[in-house]
Amino acid sequence: MDRRTFIKWTAVGWSCFAAIIGGYATMILRFMFPNVLFEPVQSFRAGFPDEYAVDAVSERWKEKYGVWIVRDKEKIYVLSTVCTHLGCQPNWLPNEQKFKCPCHGSGFYSTGINFEGPAPRPLERFKIYLADNGEITVDKTKKYQQEKGEWKDPESFIAV
């Protein structure tokens, strides 16, 4: 092997070595700066109780926060928009007065109780309370499940 060929193959070898080391350095730097998941605020103001019609489901916060606010004659409560079967988002059907999941057909009354389809349990409720100025505040960090008897908790609804 002559000198020129030797230098050429040495340069190729060192270039490959540098590329491999650069790749490993990139992976190490990527590990040092992981992806960060930014979630929307879990507590929000939802207006005043008078803004919600009696015996109606409000879809005002469905897209932004993933909740329905339901008002009946006695109370106001907040339901999760996540089906308890496989996590799809049911739709509110006002003519039939029920939530219907498009994925597998689960049906829920306006109270959140499941009555048809494969959903194993009712929809979850979130903590709701009145702020000092009388505005409804929803806190999605605290969930209430009907099957555990948590819907009777005073923080799971507002009496009106």
N, C-alpha and C. Protein backbone atom coordinates (compact mmCIF):
# COMPACT_ATOMS: atom_id res chain seq x y z
N MET A 1 0.86 -1.17 0.00
CA MET A 1 0.00 0.00 0.00
C MET A 1 0.91 1.24 0.00
N ASP A 2 0.61 2.14 -0.89
CA ASP A 2 1.44 3.34 -0.94
C ASP A 2 0.94 4.38 0.06
N ARG A 3 1.72 5.42 0.23
CA ARG A 3 1.45 6.42 1.25
C ARG A 3 0.14 7.17 1.02
N ARG A 4 -0.17 7.51 -0.21
CA ARG A 4 -1.39 8.25 -0.54
C ARG A 4 -2.64 7.44 -0.19
N THR A 5 -2.70 6.16 -0.49
CA THR A 5 -3.83 5.29 -0.17
C THR A 5 -3.98 5.16 1.34
N PHE A 6 -2.85 5.02 2.03
CA PHE A 6 -2.90 4.90 3.49
C PHE A 6 -3.52 6.15 4.12
N ILE A 7 -3.11 7.31 3.68
CA ILE A 7 -3.65 8.56 4.23
C ILE A 7 -5.13 8.70 3.89
N LYS A 8 -5.51 8.31 2.69
CA LYS A 8 -6.92 8.37 2.30
C LYS A 8 -7.78 7.47 3.20
N TRP A 9 -7.38 6.22 3.43
CA TRP A 9 -8.15 5.30 4.28
C TRP A 9 -8.12 5.73 5.74
N THR A 10 -7.05 6.33 6.18
CA THR A 10 -7.00 6.85 7.55
C THR A 10 -8.00 8.00 7.71
N ALA A 11 -8.08 8.87 6.72
CA ALA A 11 -9.04 9.98 6.77
C ALA A 11 -10.48 9.46 6.78
N VAL A 12 -10.75 8.43 5.97
CA VAL A 12 -12.10 7.84 5.95
C VAL A 12 -12.41 7.22 7.31
N GLY A 13 -11.48 6.53 7.89
CA GLY A 13 -11.68 5.90 9.21
C GLY A 13 -11.95 6.92 10.29
N TRP A 14 -11.13 8.00 10.32
CA TRP A 14 -11.35 9.03 11.32
C TRP A 14 -12.67 9.77 11.10
N SER A 15 -13.06 9.95 9.87
CA SER A 15 -14.36 10.60 9.58
C SER A 15 -15.51 9.75 10.10
N CYS A 16 -15.46 8.44 9.87
CA CYS A 16 -16.51 7.54 10.39
C CYS A 16 -16.52 7.56 11.91
N PHE A 17 -15.35 7.53 12.54
CA PHE A 17 -15.26 7.57 13.99
C PHE A 17 -15.88 8.86 14.53
N ALA A 18 -15.58 10.00 13.90
CA ALA A 18 -16.13 11.29 14.32
C ALA A 18 -17.64 11.32 14.16
N ALA A 19 -18.16 10.72 13.09
CA ALA A 19 -19.61 10.69 12.88
C ALA A 19 -20.29 9.85 13.96
N ILE A 20 -19.70 8.74 14.31
CA ILE A 20 -20.29 7.88 15.36
C ILE A 20 -20.27 8.62 16.70
N ILE A 21 -19.15 9.23 17.05
CA ILE A 21 -19.06 9.97 18.31
C ILE A 21 -20.06 11.14 18.30
N GLY A 22 -20.21 11.82 17.17
CA GLY A 22 -21.19 12.91 17.05
C GLY A 22 -22.61 12.41 17.25
N GLY A 23 -22.91 11.23 16.71
CA GLY A 23 -24.23 10.64 16.90
C GLY A 23 -24.52 10.33 18.36
N TYR A 24 -23.53 9.74 19.04
CA TYR A 24 -23.70 9.44 20.46
C TYR A 24 -23.83 10.73 21.27
N ALA A 25 -23.06 11.75 20.93
CA ALA A 25 -23.16 13.03 21.64
C ALA A 25 -24.54 13.65 21.46
N THR A 26 -25.09 13.53 20.26
CA THR A 26 -26.44 14.04 20.00
C THR A 26 -27.47 13.30 20.85
N MET A 27 -27.35 11.99 20.95
CA MET A 27 -28.29 11.21 21.77
C MET A 27 -28.17 11.59 23.24
N ILE A 28 -26.97 11.82 23.72
CA ILE A 28 -26.78 12.20 25.12
C ILE A 28 -27.39 13.58 25.38
N LEU A 29 -27.15 14.52 24.47
CA LEU A 29 -27.75 15.85 24.63
C LEU A 29 -29.27 15.78 24.58
N ARG A 30 -29.81 14.95 23.70
CA ARG A 30 -31.27 14.79 23.61
C ARG A 30 -31.83 14.23 24.90
N PHE A 31 -31.11 13.32 25.52
CA PHE A 31 -31.53 12.75 26.79
C PHE A 31 -31.54 13.81 27.89
N MET A 32 -30.62 14.75 27.82
CA MET A 32 -30.52 15.78 28.85
C MET A 32 -31.65 16.81 28.76
N PHE A 33 -32.28 16.92 27.60
CA PHE A 33 -33.37 17.87 27.41
C PHE A 33 -34.60 17.13 26.89
N PRO A 34 -35.36 16.49 27.80
CA PRO A 34 -36.51 15.69 27.36
C PRO A 34 -37.68 16.55 26.89
N ASN A 35 -38.63 15.91 26.22
CA ASN A 35 -39.86 16.59 25.81
C ASN A 35 -40.64 16.99 27.05
N VAL A 36 -41.27 18.11 26.98
CA VAL A 36 -42.10 18.58 28.09
C VAL A 36 -43.53 18.65 27.59
N LEU A 37 -44.44 18.06 28.34
CA LEU A 37 -45.85 18.08 27.98
C LEU A 37 -46.53 19.25 28.67
N PHE A 38 -47.02 20.19 27.89
CA PHE A 38 -47.72 21.33 28.45
C PHE A 38 -49.21 21.05 28.38
N GLU A 39 -49.85 20.97 29.54
CA GLU A 39 -51.28 20.70 29.61
C GLU A 39 -52.01 22.00 29.92
N PRO A 40 -53.27 22.07 29.51
CA PRO A 40 -54.03 23.28 29.84
C PRO A 40 -54.24 23.39 31.35
N VAL A 41 -54.55 24.57 31.78
CA VAL A 41 -54.80 24.81 33.20
C VAL A 41 -55.90 23.88 33.68
N GLN A 42 -55.73 23.31 34.86
CA GLN A 42 -56.69 22.35 35.37
C GLN A 42 -57.77 22.98 36.24
N SER A 43 -57.64 24.26 36.53
CA SER A 43 -58.65 24.97 37.30
C SER A 43 -59.04 26.22 36.52
N PHE A 44 -60.34 26.45 36.37
CA PHE A 44 -60.77 27.59 35.57
C PHE A 44 -62.09 28.14 36.08
N ARG A 45 -62.35 29.40 35.76
CA ARG A 45 -63.61 30.06 36.10
C ARG A 45 -64.60 29.79 34.96
N ALA A 46 -65.81 29.42 35.32
CA ALA A 46 -66.80 29.03 34.32
C ALA A 46 -68.02 29.95 34.28
N GLY A 47 -67.90 31.14 34.80
CA GLY A 47 -69.03 32.07 34.77
C GLY A 47 -69.89 31.98 36.02
N PHE A 48 -71.04 32.63 35.97
CA PHE A 48 -71.94 32.68 37.12
C PHE A 48 -73.06 31.65 36.96
N PRO A 49 -73.63 31.18 38.06
CA PRO A 49 -74.69 30.17 37.98
C PRO A 49 -75.88 30.60 37.12
N ASP A 50 -76.20 31.88 37.09
CA ASP A 50 -77.34 32.36 36.30
C ASP A 50 -77.14 32.18 34.80
N GLU A 51 -75.90 31.98 34.37
CA GLU A 51 -75.61 31.81 32.94
C GLU A 51 -75.99 30.43 32.42
N TYR A 52 -76.34 29.53 33.31
CA TYR A 52 -76.66 28.15 32.93
C TYR A 52 -78.15 27.88 33.10
N ALA A 53 -78.77 27.41 32.03
CA ALA A 53 -80.22 27.15 32.05
C ALA A 53 -80.53 25.94 32.91
N VAL A 54 -81.70 25.97 33.54
CA VAL A 54 -82.15 24.84 34.38
C VAL A 54 -82.52 23.68 33.47
N ASP A 55 -82.21 22.47 33.91
CA ASP A 55 -82.46 21.23 33.15
C ASP A 55 -81.80 21.25 31.78
N ALA A 56 -80.56 21.73 31.74
CA ALA A 56 -79.83 21.80 30.47
C ALA A 56 -78.38 21.42 30.68
N VAL A 57 -77.76 20.99 29.60
CA VAL A 57 -76.33 20.65 29.59
C VAL A 57 -75.61 21.72 28.77
N SER A 58 -74.62 22.33 29.37
CA SER A 58 -73.84 23.35 28.67
C SER A 58 -72.59 22.72 28.06
N GLU A 59 -72.42 22.91 26.75
CA GLU A 59 -71.24 22.40 26.06
C GLU A 59 -70.20 23.50 25.84
N ARG A 60 -70.35 24.57 26.57
CA ARG A 60 -69.49 25.74 26.43
C ARG A 60 -68.01 25.43 26.66
N TRP A 61 -67.69 24.51 27.57
CA TRP A 61 -66.31 24.20 27.93
C TRP A 61 -65.86 22.83 27.43
N LYS A 62 -66.62 22.22 26.54
CA LYS A 62 -66.31 20.87 26.05
C LYS A 62 -64.97 20.82 25.31
N GLU A 63 -64.75 21.71 24.38
CA GLU A 63 -63.52 21.67 23.57
C GLU A 63 -62.31 22.16 24.34
N LYS A 64 -62.45 23.25 25.07
CA LYS A 64 -61.29 23.86 25.73
C LYS A 64 -60.83 23.09 26.96
N TYR A 65 -61.78 22.64 27.80
CA TYR A 65 -61.41 21.99 29.06
C TYR A 65 -61.90 20.55 29.19
N GLY A 66 -62.69 20.07 28.26
CA GLY A 66 -63.16 18.69 28.32
C GLY A 66 -64.18 18.43 29.41
N VAL A 67 -65.11 19.37 29.61
CA VAL A 67 -66.16 19.19 30.63
C VAL A 67 -67.50 19.69 30.10
N TRP A 68 -68.55 19.11 30.67
CA TRP A 68 -69.90 19.62 30.48
C TRP A 68 -70.35 20.15 31.83
N ILE A 69 -71.06 21.25 31.83
CA ILE A 69 -71.66 21.76 33.07
C ILE A 69 -73.15 21.54 32.97
N VAL A 70 -73.67 20.81 33.94
CA VAL A 70 -75.08 20.40 33.95
C VAL A 70 -75.77 21.10 35.12
N ARG A 71 -76.93 21.66 34.83
CA ARG A 71 -77.73 22.27 35.89
C ARG A 71 -79.11 21.65 35.88
N ASP A 72 -79.52 21.15 37.04
CA ASP A 72 -80.90 20.69 37.19
C ASP A 72 -81.58 21.61 38.20
N LYS A 73 -82.73 21.22 38.68
CA LYS A 73 -83.50 22.09 39.59
C LYS A 73 -82.81 22.30 40.94
N GLU A 74 -81.99 21.33 41.36
CA GLU A 74 -81.40 21.38 42.69
C GLU A 74 -79.93 21.74 42.73
N LYS A 75 -79.16 21.39 41.67
CA LYS A 75 -77.71 21.56 41.74
C LYS A 75 -77.07 21.77 40.38
N ILE A 76 -75.81 22.20 40.43
CA ILE A 76 -74.96 22.34 39.24
C ILE A 76 -73.76 21.42 39.46
N TYR A 77 -73.42 20.62 38.46
CA TYR A 77 -72.25 19.74 38.58
C TYR A 77 -71.52 19.70 37.25
N VAL A 78 -70.29 19.21 37.29
CA VAL A 78 -69.42 19.18 36.12
C VAL A 78 -69.10 17.73 35.79
N LEU A 79 -69.38 17.33 34.55
CA LEU A 79 -69.09 15.97 34.09
C LEU A 79 -67.89 15.95 33.15
N SER A 80 -67.11 14.90 33.24
CA SER A 80 -65.99 14.70 32.33
C SER A 80 -66.51 14.29 30.96
N THR A 81 -65.83 14.73 29.90
CA THR A 81 -66.24 14.36 28.54
C THR A 81 -65.51 13.11 28.05
N VAL A 82 -65.01 12.30 28.97
CA VAL A 82 -64.29 11.08 28.61
C VAL A 82 -65.16 9.87 28.96
N CYS A 83 -65.47 9.07 27.94
CA CYS A 83 -66.26 7.85 28.15
C CYS A 83 -65.47 6.88 29.03
N THR A 84 -66.14 6.24 29.94
CA THR A 84 -65.48 5.32 30.86
C THR A 84 -65.21 3.96 30.24
N HIS A 85 -65.59 3.76 28.99
CA HIS A 85 -65.29 2.50 28.32
C HIS A 85 -63.87 2.52 27.78
N LEU A 86 -63.64 3.30 26.73
CA LEU A 86 -62.30 3.36 26.12
C LEU A 86 -61.78 4.77 25.93
N GLY A 87 -62.41 5.75 26.54
CA GLY A 87 -61.87 7.11 26.52
C GLY A 87 -62.29 7.98 25.35
N CYS A 88 -63.27 7.58 24.59
CA CYS A 88 -63.76 8.43 23.50
C CYS A 88 -64.54 9.60 24.11
N GLN A 89 -64.96 10.52 23.26
CA GLN A 89 -65.72 11.67 23.73
C GLN A 89 -67.17 11.55 23.30
N PRO A 90 -68.06 11.26 24.24
CA PRO A 90 -69.48 11.19 23.89
C PRO A 90 -70.03 12.53 23.42
N ASN A 91 -71.15 12.49 22.75
CA ASN A 91 -71.84 13.70 22.29
C ASN A 91 -73.12 13.87 23.09
N TRP A 92 -73.49 15.10 23.35
CA TRP A 92 -74.76 15.40 24.01
C TRP A 92 -75.84 15.47 22.94
N LEU A 93 -76.89 14.67 23.11
CA LEU A 93 -78.02 14.66 22.19
C LEU A 93 -79.20 15.30 22.92
N PRO A 94 -79.45 16.60 22.69
CA PRO A 94 -80.49 17.29 23.46
C PRO A 94 -81.90 16.75 23.21
N ASN A 95 -82.19 16.27 22.00
CA ASN A 95 -83.53 15.73 21.72
C ASN A 95 -83.80 14.45 22.50
N GLU A 96 -82.76 13.66 22.71
CA GLU A 96 -82.92 12.39 23.45
C GLU A 96 -82.54 12.53 24.92
N GLN A 97 -82.02 13.70 25.29
CA GLN A 97 -81.61 13.98 26.67
C GLN A 97 -80.62 12.94 27.19
N LYS A 98 -79.58 12.67 26.39
CA LYS A 98 -78.56 11.71 26.82
C LYS A 98 -77.23 12.00 26.12
N PHE A 99 -76.17 11.47 26.73
CA PHE A 99 -74.85 11.48 26.11
C PHE A 99 -74.69 10.16 25.39
N LYS A 100 -74.22 10.19 24.16
CA LYS A 100 -74.05 8.98 23.37
C LYS A 100 -72.62 8.93 22.85
N CYS A 101 -71.91 7.85 23.15
CA CYS A 101 -70.53 7.69 22.70
C CYS A 101 -70.52 7.15 21.27
N PRO A 102 -69.84 7.83 20.35
CA PRO A 102 -69.83 7.39 18.96
C PRO A 102 -68.96 6.16 18.71
N CYS A 103 -68.06 5.84 19.63
CA CYS A 103 -67.13 4.73 19.39
C CYS A 103 -67.80 3.36 19.55
N HIS A 104 -68.48 3.13 20.66
CA HIS A 104 -69.05 1.80 20.91
C HIS A 104 -70.49 1.85 21.41
N GLY A 105 -71.12 3.02 21.35
CA GLY A 105 -72.54 3.10 21.64
C GLY A 105 -72.94 3.23 23.09
N SER A 106 -72.03 3.53 23.98
CA SER A 106 -72.40 3.71 25.39
C SER A 106 -73.31 4.92 25.52
N GLY A 107 -74.30 4.80 26.38
CA GLY A 107 -75.24 5.90 26.62
C GLY A 107 -75.22 6.29 28.08
N PHE A 108 -75.33 7.59 28.33
CA PHE A 108 -75.33 8.12 29.69
C PHE A 108 -76.47 9.13 29.83
N TYR A 109 -77.17 9.08 30.96
CA TYR A 109 -78.18 10.08 31.24
C TYR A 109 -77.48 11.42 31.48
N SER A 110 -78.25 12.49 31.59
CA SER A 110 -77.65 13.81 31.83
C SER A 110 -76.98 13.87 33.20
N THR A 111 -77.31 12.96 34.08
CA THR A 111 -76.63 12.89 35.38
C THR A 111 -75.26 12.25 35.28
N GLY A 112 -74.99 11.57 34.16
CA GLY A 112 -73.72 10.88 33.97
C GLY A 112 -73.81 9.39 34.20
N ILE A 113 -74.97 8.90 34.64
CA ILE A 113 -75.16 7.47 34.89
C ILE A 113 -75.23 6.72 33.56
N ASN A 114 -74.48 5.63 33.45
CA ASN A 114 -74.51 4.83 32.23
C ASN A 114 -75.73 3.91 32.23
N PHE A 115 -76.36 3.76 31.06
CA PHE A 115 -77.54 2.90 30.98
C PHE A 115 -77.55 2.00 29.76
N GLU A 116 -76.63 2.21 28.82
CA GLU A 116 -76.57 1.32 27.67
C GLU A 116 -75.14 1.24 27.15
N GLY A 117 -74.86 0.16 26.47
CA GLY A 117 -73.54 0.00 25.87
C GLY A 117 -72.53 -0.60 26.83
N PRO A 118 -71.29 -0.66 26.39
CA PRO A 118 -70.27 -1.36 27.18
C PRO A 118 -69.61 -0.54 28.29
N ALA A 119 -69.96 0.72 28.46
CA ALA A 119 -69.32 1.52 29.51
C ALA A 119 -69.54 0.86 30.87
N PRO A 120 -68.47 0.59 31.60
CA PRO A 120 -68.59 -0.14 32.87
C PRO A 120 -69.08 0.69 34.05
N ARG A 121 -68.97 2.02 33.94
CA ARG A 121 -69.35 2.87 35.07
C ARG A 121 -69.77 4.25 34.57
N PRO A 122 -70.37 5.05 35.44
CA PRO A 122 -70.82 6.39 35.05
C PRO A 122 -69.65 7.33 34.75
N LEU A 123 -69.99 8.46 34.13
CA LEU A 123 -68.98 9.49 33.87
C LEU A 123 -68.48 10.06 35.20
N GLU A 124 -67.29 10.60 35.19
CA GLU A 124 -66.74 11.18 36.41
C GLU A 124 -67.14 12.64 36.54
N ARG A 125 -67.23 13.08 37.78
CA ARG A 125 -67.49 14.49 38.07
C ARG A 125 -66.21 15.14 38.56
N PHE A 126 -66.15 16.46 38.42
CA PHE A 126 -65.01 17.22 38.92
C PHE A 126 -65.45 18.14 40.04
N LYS A 127 -64.48 18.58 40.81
CA LYS A 127 -64.76 19.51 41.92
C LYS A 127 -65.27 20.83 41.35
N ILE A 128 -66.30 21.36 42.00
CA ILE A 128 -66.90 22.63 41.59
C ILE A 128 -67.24 23.41 42.85
N TYR A 129 -66.98 24.71 42.81
CA TYR A 129 -67.32 25.56 43.96
C TYR A 129 -67.49 26.99 43.48
N LEU A 130 -68.05 27.81 44.35
CA LEU A 130 -68.25 29.22 44.04
C LEU A 130 -67.08 30.03 44.60
N ALA A 131 -66.49 30.88 43.78
CA ALA A 131 -65.42 31.75 44.22
C ALA A 131 -66.01 32.87 45.08
N ASP A 132 -65.15 33.68 45.63
CA ASP A 132 -65.59 34.78 46.49
C ASP A 132 -66.53 35.75 45.79
N ASN A 133 -66.35 35.93 44.50
CA ASN A 133 -67.20 36.85 43.75
C ASN A 133 -68.48 36.19 43.21
N GLY A 134 -68.72 34.93 43.58
CA GLY A 134 -69.93 34.22 43.16
C GLY A 134 -69.79 33.50 41.83
N GLU A 135 -68.60 33.48 41.28
CA GLU A 135 -68.37 32.82 40.00
C GLU A 135 -68.06 31.33 40.22
N ILE A 136 -68.54 30.50 39.31
CA ILE A 136 -68.29 29.06 39.39
C ILE A 136 -66.82 28.79 39.05
N THR A 137 -66.17 27.99 39.88
CA THR A 137 -64.80 27.57 39.63
C THR A 137 -64.77 26.05 39.54
N VAL A 138 -64.14 25.54 38.50
CA VAL A 138 -64.02 24.10 38.28
C VAL A 138 -62.57 23.71 38.50
N ASP A 139 -62.37 22.65 39.29
CA ASP A 139 -61.02 22.13 39.56
C ASP A 139 -60.96 20.69 39.07
N LYS A 140 -60.28 20.47 37.94
CA LYS A 140 -60.22 19.13 37.33
C LYS A 140 -59.20 18.21 38.00
N THR A 141 -58.47 18.70 38.99
CA THR A 141 -57.51 17.83 39.66
C THR A 141 -58.19 16.89 40.66
N LYS A 142 -59.42 17.18 41.02
CA LYS A 142 -60.16 16.34 41.96
C LYS A 142 -61.36 15.71 41.25
N LYS A 143 -61.38 14.37 41.17
CA LYS A 143 -62.46 13.64 40.50
C LYS A 143 -63.34 12.95 41.53
N TYR A 144 -64.61 12.79 41.15
CA TYR A 144 -65.57 12.10 42.01
C TYR A 144 -66.25 11.00 41.20
N GLN A 145 -66.29 9.79 41.76
CA GLN A 145 -66.89 8.65 41.08
C GLN A 145 -68.16 8.21 41.80
N GLN A 146 -69.20 7.97 41.02
CA GLN A 146 -70.49 7.60 41.58
C GLN A 146 -70.44 6.26 42.29
N GLU A 147 -69.72 5.29 41.73
CA GLU A 147 -69.70 3.96 42.31
C GLU A 147 -68.99 3.91 43.66
N LYS A 148 -68.23 4.92 43.98
CA LYS A 148 -67.58 5.01 45.29
C LYS A 148 -68.39 5.87 46.27
N GLY A 149 -69.54 6.34 45.83
CA GLY A 149 -70.39 7.17 46.67
C GLY A 149 -69.89 8.60 46.81
N GLU A 150 -68.98 9.01 45.93
CA GLU A 150 -68.37 10.33 46.05
C GLU A 150 -69.24 11.45 45.49
N TRP A 151 -70.30 11.11 44.77
CA TRP A 151 -71.17 12.15 44.23
C TRP A 151 -71.97 12.85 45.32
N LYS A 152 -72.00 12.27 46.50
CA LYS A 152 -72.69 12.90 47.62
C LYS A 152 -71.82 13.94 48.31
N ASP A 153 -70.54 13.95 47.98
CA ASP A 153 -69.60 14.91 48.55
C ASP A 153 -70.02 16.33 48.15
N PRO A 154 -70.11 17.26 49.08
CA PRO A 154 -70.55 18.63 48.77
C PRO A 154 -69.66 19.36 47.78
N GLU A 155 -68.42 18.91 47.57
CA GLU A 155 -67.54 19.55 46.60
C GLU A 155 -67.79 19.07 45.17
N SER A 156 -68.62 18.04 45.00
CA SER A 156 -68.88 17.51 43.66
C SER A 156 -70.05 18.23 42.98
N PHE A 157 -70.69 19.17 43.66
CA PHE A 157 -71.81 19.92 43.08
C PHE A 157 -71.99 21.22 43.83
N ILE A 158 -72.78 22.10 43.25
CA ILE A 158 -73.18 23.35 43.91
C ILE A 158 -74.69 23.31 44.04
N ALA A 159 -75.19 23.44 45.24
CA ALA A 159 -76.63 23.49 45.46
C ALA A 159 -77.14 24.87 45.06
N VAL A 160 -78.24 24.87 44.28
CA VAL A 160 -78.83 26.15 43.86
C VAL A 160 -80.28 26.24 44.31
